[in-house]
C-alpha atoms as a PDB file:
ATOM      1  CA  MET A   1       0.161  -0.027   0.022  1.00  0.00           C
ATOM      2  CA  LYS A   2       1.567   3.174  -1.087  1.00  0.00           C
ATOM      3  CA  ILE A   3       0.445   6.837  -1.299  1.00  0.00           C
ATOM      4  CA  TYR A   4       2.041   8.873  -4.060  1.00  0.00           C
ATOM      5  CA  SER A   5       1.019  12.132  -3.680  1.00  0.00           C
ATOM      6  CA  ILE A   6      -1.105  14.685  -1.696  1.00  0.00           C
ATOM      7  CA  CYS A   7      -2.465  17.570  -3.341  1.00  0.00           C
ATOM      8  CA  ILE A   8      -4.481  20.696  -2.611  1.00  0.00           C
ATOM      9  CA  ILE A   9      -6.367  22.368  -5.754  1.00  0.00           C
ATOM     10  CA  ARG A  10      -8.051  25.406  -6.399  1.00  0.00           C
ATOM     11  CA  ASN A  11     -10.914  23.727  -8.520  1.00  0.00           C
ATOM     12  CA  ASP A  12     -13.337  26.931  -8.265  1.00  0.00           C
ATOM     13  CA  ILE A  13     -11.393  28.375 -11.408  1.00  0.00           C
ATOM     14  CA  LYS A  14     -10.727  26.867 -14.964  1.00  0.00           C
ATOM     15  CA  PRO A  15      -8.157  25.592 -15.454  1.00  0.00           C
ATOM     16  CA  ALA A  16      -8.102  23.968 -11.452  1.00  0.00           C
ATOM     17  CA  LYS A  17      -4.562  25.331 -10.321  1.00  0.00           C
ATOM     18  CA  GLY A  18      -2.757  23.595  -7.518  1.00  0.00           C
ATOM     19  CA  ILE A  19      -2.073  25.413  -4.664  1.00  0.00           C
ATOM     20  CA  LEU A  20      -0.030  22.790  -2.416  1.00  0.00           C
ATOM     21  CA  HIS A  21       1.265  19.324  -3.310  1.00  0.00           C
ATOM     22  CA  VAL A  22       4.002  16.723  -1.674  1.00  0.00           C
ATOM     23  CA  LYS A  23       4.864  13.579  -3.372  1.00  0.00           C
ATOM     24  CA  ASP A  24       6.621  10.469  -2.677  1.00  0.00           C
ATOM     25  CA  VAL A  25       8.144   9.020  -6.000  1.00  0.00           C
ATOM     26  CA  SER A  26      11.105   7.154  -4.105  1.00  0.00           C
ATOM     27  CA  SER A  27       9.904   3.629  -5.058  1.00  0.00           C
ATOM     28  CA  PHE A  28      10.661   4.639  -8.693  1.00  0.00           C
ATOM     29  CA  SER A  29      13.781   5.077 -10.385  1.00  0.00           C
ATOM     30  CA  PHE A  30      15.724   7.757 -10.688  1.00  0.00           C
ATOM     31  CA  PHE A  31      15.105   8.706 -14.399  1.00  0.00           C
ATOM     32  CA  GLN A  32      11.387   7.972 -14.149  1.00  0.00           C
ATOM     33  CA  ARG A  33      10.972  10.455 -11.115  1.00  0.00           C
ATOM     34  CA  THR A  34       9.982  13.673 -13.043  1.00  0.00           C
ATOM     35  CA  SER A  35       7.743  11.907 -15.274  1.00  0.00           C
ATOM     36  CA  ILE A  36       6.119  10.231 -12.668  1.00  0.00           C
ATOM     37  CA  ALA A  37       5.591  13.406 -10.874  1.00  0.00           C
ATOM     38  CA  GLU A  38       4.439  15.369 -13.752  1.00  0.00           C
ATOM     39  CA  PHE A  39       2.000  12.513 -14.300  1.00  0.00           C
ATOM     40  CA  LEU A  40       0.666  12.853 -10.705  1.00  0.00           C
ATOM     41  CA  ASN A  41       0.203  16.667 -11.017  1.00  0.00           C
ATOM     42  CA  PHE A  42      -2.062  16.217 -14.206  1.00  0.00           C
ATOM     43  CA  MET A  43      -3.756  13.304 -12.908  1.00  0.00           C
ATOM     44  CA  SER A  44      -4.517  15.263  -9.518  1.00  0.00           C
ATOM     45  CA  GLN A  45      -5.659  18.760 -11.289  1.00  0.00           C
ATOM     46  CA  THR A  46      -7.717  16.456 -14.116  1.00  0.00           C
ATOM     47  CA  ILE A  47     -10.072  14.705 -11.570  1.00  0.00           C
ATOM     48  CA  ALA A  48     -10.246  17.756  -9.032  1.00  0.00           C
ATOM     49  CA  GLU A  49     -11.736  19.894 -11.907  1.00  0.00           C
ATOM     50  CA  LYS A  50     -13.646  17.362 -12.915  1.00  0.00           C
ATOM     51  CA  THR A  51     -15.383  17.048  -9.424  1.00  0.00           C
ATOM     52  CA  GLN A  52     -18.466  18.593  -8.084  1.00  0.00           C
ATOM     53  CA  PRO A  53     -18.806  20.896  -4.953  1.00  0.00           C
ATOM     54  CA  GLY A  54     -19.622  18.282  -2.118  1.00  0.00           C
ATOM     55  CA  GLN A  55     -18.481  15.148  -4.127  1.00  0.00           C
ATOM     56  CA  ARG A  56     -16.269  12.277  -3.530  1.00  0.00           C
ATOM     57  CA  GLN A  57     -15.112  10.048  -5.622  1.00  0.00           C
ATOM     58  CA  SER A  58     -12.135   7.875  -6.703  1.00  0.00           C
ATOM     59  CA  VAL A  59     -10.785   7.496 -10.163  1.00  0.00           C
ATOM     60  CA  GLU A  60      -8.470   4.693 -11.416  1.00  0.00           C
ATOM     61  CA  GLU A  61      -6.052   4.989 -14.027  1.00  0.00           C
ATOM     62  CA  SER A  62      -3.818   2.384 -14.442  1.00  0.00           C
ATOM     63  CA  ALA A  63      -1.707   1.374 -11.583  1.00  0.00           C
ATOM     64  CA  TYR A  64      -2.951   4.216  -9.750  1.00  0.00           C
ATOM     65  CA  VAL A  65      -6.366   5.539  -7.671  1.00  0.00           C
ATOM     66  CA  GLY A  66      -6.893   9.210  -7.529  1.00  0.00           C
ATOM     67  CA  HIS A  67      -8.970   9.596  -4.564  1.00  0.00           C
ATOM     68  CA  VAL A  68     -10.961  13.204  -4.616  1.00  0.00           C
ATOM     69  CA  TYR A  69     -13.113  15.408  -1.885  1.00  0.00           C
ATOM     70  CA  ALA A  70     -14.276  18.736  -3.557  1.00  0.00           C
ATOM     71  CA  ARG A  71     -15.651  21.420  -1.092  1.00  0.00           C
ATOM     72  CA  ALA A  72     -17.889  23.938  -1.417  1.00  0.00           C
ATOM     73  CA  GLU A  73     -15.749  26.464  -0.538  1.00  0.00           C
ATOM     74  CA  GLY A  74     -13.910  26.038  -3.923  1.00  0.00           C
ATOM     75  CA  VAL A  75     -11.222  23.711  -2.782  1.00  0.00           C
ATOM     76  CA  ALA A  76     -10.655  19.929  -3.741  1.00  0.00           C
ATOM     77  CA  GLY A  77      -8.021  17.654  -2.016  1.00  0.00           C
ATOM     78  CA  VAL A  78      -6.432  14.495  -3.694  1.00  0.00           C
ATOM     79  CA  VAL A  79      -4.568  11.781  -2.369  1.00  0.00           C
ATOM     80  CA  VAL A  80      -3.026   9.311  -5.523  1.00  0.00           C
ATOM     81  CA  THR A  81      -2.335   5.955  -4.243  1.00  0.00           C
ATOM     82  CA  ASP A  82      -1.930   2.288  -5.484  1.00  0.00           C
ATOM     83  CA  LYS A  83      -5.109   0.109  -6.063  1.00  0.00           C
ATOM     84  CA  GLU A  84      -4.335  -1.837  -2.623  1.00  0.00           C
ATOM     85  CA  TYR A  85      -4.642   1.415  -0.369  1.00  0.00           C
ATOM     86  CA  PRO A  86      -7.876   1.457   1.630  1.00  0.00           C
ATOM     87  CA  PRO A  87     -10.189   4.239   0.206  1.00  0.00           C
ATOM     88  CA  ARG A  88     -11.757   5.047   3.446  1.00  0.00           C
ATOM     89  CA  VAL A  89      -8.223   6.178   4.900  1.00  0.00           C
ATOM     90  CA  ALA A  90      -7.904   8.016   2.061  1.00  0.00           C
ATOM     91  CA  PHE A  91     -11.050  10.121   2.685  1.00  0.00           C
ATOM     92  CA  SER A  92     -10.305  10.404   6.086  1.00  0.00           C
ATOM     93  CA  LEU A  93      -6.939  12.196   5.254  1.00  0.00           C
ATOM     94  CA  LEU A  94      -8.959  14.079   2.603  1.00  0.00           C
ATOM     95  CA  ASN A  95     -11.352  15.274   5.213  1.00  0.00           C
ATOM     96  CA  LYS A  96      -8.942  15.986   7.741  1.00  0.00           C
ATOM     97  CA  ILE A  97      -6.442  17.808   5.401  1.00  0.00           C
ATOM     98  CA  LEU A  98      -9.171  20.051   3.755  1.00  0.00           C
ATOM     99  CA  ASP A  99     -10.517  21.104   7.241  1.00  0.00           C
ATOM    100  CA  GLU A 100      -7.251  22.349   8.512  1.00  0.00           C
ATOM    101  CA  PHE A 101      -6.460  23.829   5.297  1.00  0.00           C
ATOM    102  CA  THR A 102      -9.727  26.131   5.210  1.00  0.00           C
ATOM    103  CA  THR A 103      -9.556  26.534   8.726  1.00  0.00           C
ATOM    104  CA  ARG A 104      -6.057  28.064   8.367  1.00  0.00           C
ATOM    105  CA  PHE A 105      -6.721  29.710   4.835  1.00  0.00           C
ATOM    106  CA  PRO A 106     -10.394  31.121   5.235  1.00  0.00           C
ATOM    107  CA  ASN A 107     -10.073  33.418   2.280  1.00  0.00           C
ATOM    108  CA  ASN A 108      -9.898  31.873  -1.032  1.00  0.00           C
ATOM    109  CA  GLN A 109      -8.217  35.071  -2.520  1.00  0.00           C
ATOM    110  CA  LEU A 110      -5.114  33.986  -0.727  1.00  0.00           C
ATOM    111  CA  TRP A 111      -5.104  30.443  -2.233  1.00  0.00           C
ATOM    112  CA  THR A 112      -1.935  30.745  -4.268  1.00  0.00           C
ATOM    113  CA  PHE A 113       0.809  28.630  -4.463  1.00  0.00           C
ATOM    114  CA  GLU A 114       3.014  31.341  -3.564  1.00  0.00           C
ATOM    115  CA  GLN A 115       1.007  32.329  -0.322  1.00  0.00           C
ATOM    116  CA  CYS A 116      -0.319  29.108   1.420  1.00  0.00           C
ATOM    117  CA  SER A 117       2.278  27.469   4.059  1.00  0.00           C
ATOM    118  CA  TYR A 118       1.094  24.021   5.224  1.00  0.00           C
ATOM    119  CA  PRO A 119       4.279  21.942   6.144  1.00  0.00           C
ATOM    120  CA  GLU A 120       2.277  19.212   7.506  1.00  0.00           C
ATOM    121  CA  LEU A 121       1.451  17.955   4.458  1.00  0.00           C
ATOM    122  CA  GLN A 122       4.468  16.519   4.273  1.00  0.00           C
ATOM    123  CA  GLN A 123       4.188  14.860   7.621  1.00  0.00           C
ATOM    124  CA  TYR A 124       1.179  13.374   6.419  1.00  0.00           C
ATOM    125  CA  ILE A 125       2.171  11.705   3.464  1.00  0.00           C
ATOM    126  CA  GLU A 126       4.795   9.812   5.710  1.00  0.00           C
ATOM    127  CA  THR A 127       2.203   9.021   8.737  1.00  0.00           C
ATOM    128  CA  TYR A 128      -0.316   7.883   6.068  1.00  0.00           C
ATOM    129  CA  GLN A 129       2.332   5.334   3.902  1.00  0.00           C
ATOM    130  CA  ASP A 130       1.094   2.672   6.508  1.00  0.00           C
ATOM    131  CA  PRO A 131      -2.894   3.200   6.808  1.00  0.00           C
ATOM    132  CA  LYS A 132      -2.368   1.342  10.072  1.00  0.00           C
ATOM    133  CA  GLN A 133      -0.417   3.983  11.786  1.00  0.00           C
ATOM    134  CA  GLY A 134      -2.108   7.135  10.463  1.00  0.00           C
ATOM    135  CA  ASP A 135      -6.202   5.878  10.853  1.00  0.00           C
ATOM    136  CA  THR A 136      -7.493   5.107  14.086  1.00  0.00           C
ATOM    137  CA  ILE A 137      -9.850   2.604  13.298  1.00  0.00           C
ATOM    138  CA  MET A 138      -7.615   0.682  11.454  1.00  0.00           C
ATOM    139  CA  LYS A 139      -5.403   0.814  14.322  1.00  0.00           C
ATOM    140  CA  VAL A 140      -8.250  -0.651  16.765  1.00  0.00           C
ATOM    141  CA  GLN A 141      -9.038  -3.230  13.753  1.00  0.00           C
ATOM    142  CA  ARG A 142      -5.117  -4.177  13.906  1.00  0.00           C
ATOM    143  CA  GLU A 143      -5.301  -4.786  17.914  1.00  0.00           C
ATOM    144  CA  LEU A 144      -8.737  -6.756  17.432  1.00  0.00           C
ATOM    145  CA  ASP A 145      -7.318  -9.185  14.865  1.00  0.00           C
ATOM    146  CA  GLU A 146      -4.287  -9.532  17.113  1.00  0.00           C
ATOM    147  CA  THR A 147      -6.440 -10.309  20.322  1.00  0.00           C
ATOM    148  CA  LYS A 148      -8.350 -12.686  18.281  1.00  0.00           C
ATOM    149  CA  ILE A 149      -5.233 -14.735  17.291  1.00  0.00           C
ATOM    150  CA  ILE A 150      -4.096 -14.988  20.689  1.00  0.00           C
ATOM    151  CA  LEU A 151      -7.749 -15.935  22.035  1.00  0.00           C
ATOM    152  CA  HIS A 152      -7.728 -18.676  19.096  1.00  0.00           C
ATOM    153  CA  LYS A 153      -4.004 -19.876  20.088  1.00  0.00           C
ATOM    154  CA  THR A 154      -5.434 -19.837  24.198  1.00  0.00           C
ATOM    155  CA  ILE A 155      -8.470 -22.208  22.773  1.00  0.00           C
ATOM    156  CA  GLU A 156      -6.331 -24.375  20.669  1.00  0.00           C
ATOM    157  CA  SER A 157      -3.863 -24.776  23.484  1.00  0.00           C
ATOM    158  CA  VAL A 158      -6.841 -25.970  25.746  1.00  0.00           C
ATOM    159  CA  LEU A 159      -7.883 -28.198  23.166  1.00  0.00           C
ATOM    160  CA  GLU A 160      -4.361 -29.596  23.136  1.00  0.00           C
ATOM    161  CA  ARG A 161      -4.522 -30.210  26.785  1.00  0.00           C
ATOM    162  CA  GLY A 162      -7.950 -31.989  26.621  1.00  0.00           C
ATOM    163  CA  GLU A 163      -6.473 -34.395  24.441  1.00  0.00           C
ATOM    164  CA  LYS A 164      -3.484 -35.069  26.423  1.00  0.00           C
ATOM    165  CA  MET A 165      -5.453 -35.214  29.553  1.00  0.00           C
ATOM    166  CA  GLU A 166      -7.567 -38.257  27.889  1.00  0.00           C
ATOM    167  CA  SER A 167      -3.844 -40.014  27.352  1.00  0.00           C
ATOM    168  CA  LEU A 168      -3.058 -39.282  30.603  1.00  0.00           C
ATOM    169  CA  VAL A 169      -6.300 -40.735  32.456  1.00  0.00           C
ATOM    170  CA  GLU A 170      -5.892 -44.235  30.243  1.00  0.00           C
ATOM    171  CA  ARG A 171      -2.312 -44.590  31.473  1.00  0.00           C
ATOM    172  CA  SER A 172      -2.811 -43.282  35.149  1.00  0.00           C
ATOM    173  CA  ASP A 173      -2.471 -45.891  37.546  1.00  0.00           C
ATOM    174  CA  VAL A 174      -3.661 -44.220  40.570  1.00  0.00           C
ATOM    175  CA  LEU A 175      -7.215 -43.853  38.882  1.00  0.00           C
ATOM    176  CA  SER A 176      -9.792 -46.776  39.488  1.00  0.00           C
ATOM    177  CA  ASN A 177     -11.562 -48.259  36.597  1.00  0.00           C
ATOM    178  CA  GLN A 178     -14.835 -46.604  37.946  1.00  0.00           C
ATOM    179  CA  SER A 179     -12.833 -42.896  37.914  1.00  0.00           C
ATOM    180  CA  LYS A 180     -11.895 -43.470  34.222  1.00  0.00           C
ATOM    181  CA  MET A 181     -15.275 -44.861  33.251  1.00  0.00           C
ATOM    182  CA  PHE A 182     -16.897 -41.680  35.033  1.00  0.00           C
ATOM    183  CA  TYR A 183     -14.064 -39.500  32.951  1.00  0.00           C
ATOM    184  CA  LYS A 184     -15.060 -41.119  29.631  1.00  0.00           C
ATOM    185  CA  THR A 185     -18.879 -40.463  30.068  1.00  0.00           C
ATOM    186  CA  ALA A 186     -18.979 -37.228  31.516  1.00  0.00           C
ATOM    187  CA  LYS A 187     -16.451 -36.413  28.474  1.00  0.00           C
ATOM    188  CA  LYS A 188     -19.035 -37.852  25.845  1.00  0.00           C
ATOM    189  CA  GLN A 189     -21.948 -36.004  28.123  1.00  0.00           C
ATOM    190  CA  ASN A 190     -19.996 -32.761  26.939  1.00  0.00           C
ATOM    191  CA  ALA A 191     -19.276 -33.505  23.651  1.00  0.00           C
ATOM    192  CA  CYS A 192     -22.874 -33.546  22.781  1.00  0.00           C
ATOM    193  CA  CYS A 193     -23.181 -29.820  24.554  1.00  0.00           C
ATOM    194  CA  VAL A 194     -19.905 -28.209  22.564  1.00  0.00           C
ATOM    195  CA  ILE A 195     -20.848 -24.273  21.699  1.00  0.00           C
ATOM    196  CA  CYS A 196     -19.227 -22.642  19.073  1.00  0.00           C
END
């Protein structure tokens, strides 16, 4: 899972103009990086321009997915990811970024590349490379999955102990035949009432 770029684009004017952008093209060869960066800019501006205010959409182009959220204020956010990146996390990130941006820069007359400074954008692209680190719901889901694995291991170990207990009862010299019979009968009775 990978985020390639995050852009904030003014889409209330035609053509749409990029205000802020950060990219992570380090996974590409040195000679491809410039071309990939240009493509990411073009893709982001195109889908931001074509997205109506208040609308969210994901646009797939070859190995990339552009997640866009256009706000009524005339600004759109675009996150370009690979196909495996969870859309819910991408839209959560866009919502957070655009809320912060419109709070920090409420006057759209100041929305130019030269006048807007938003260094947190670089931090977001680094943090959200792993969606489980950046998104609290995915963190909780990962913790639940880990707990579930631990519980399964515990249940499996109890079952193994149960099987071992049966062989111990059979080999025991301390238990009388009547006690062994009681254990087997009780085990059969309990076997019919297993709750899954």
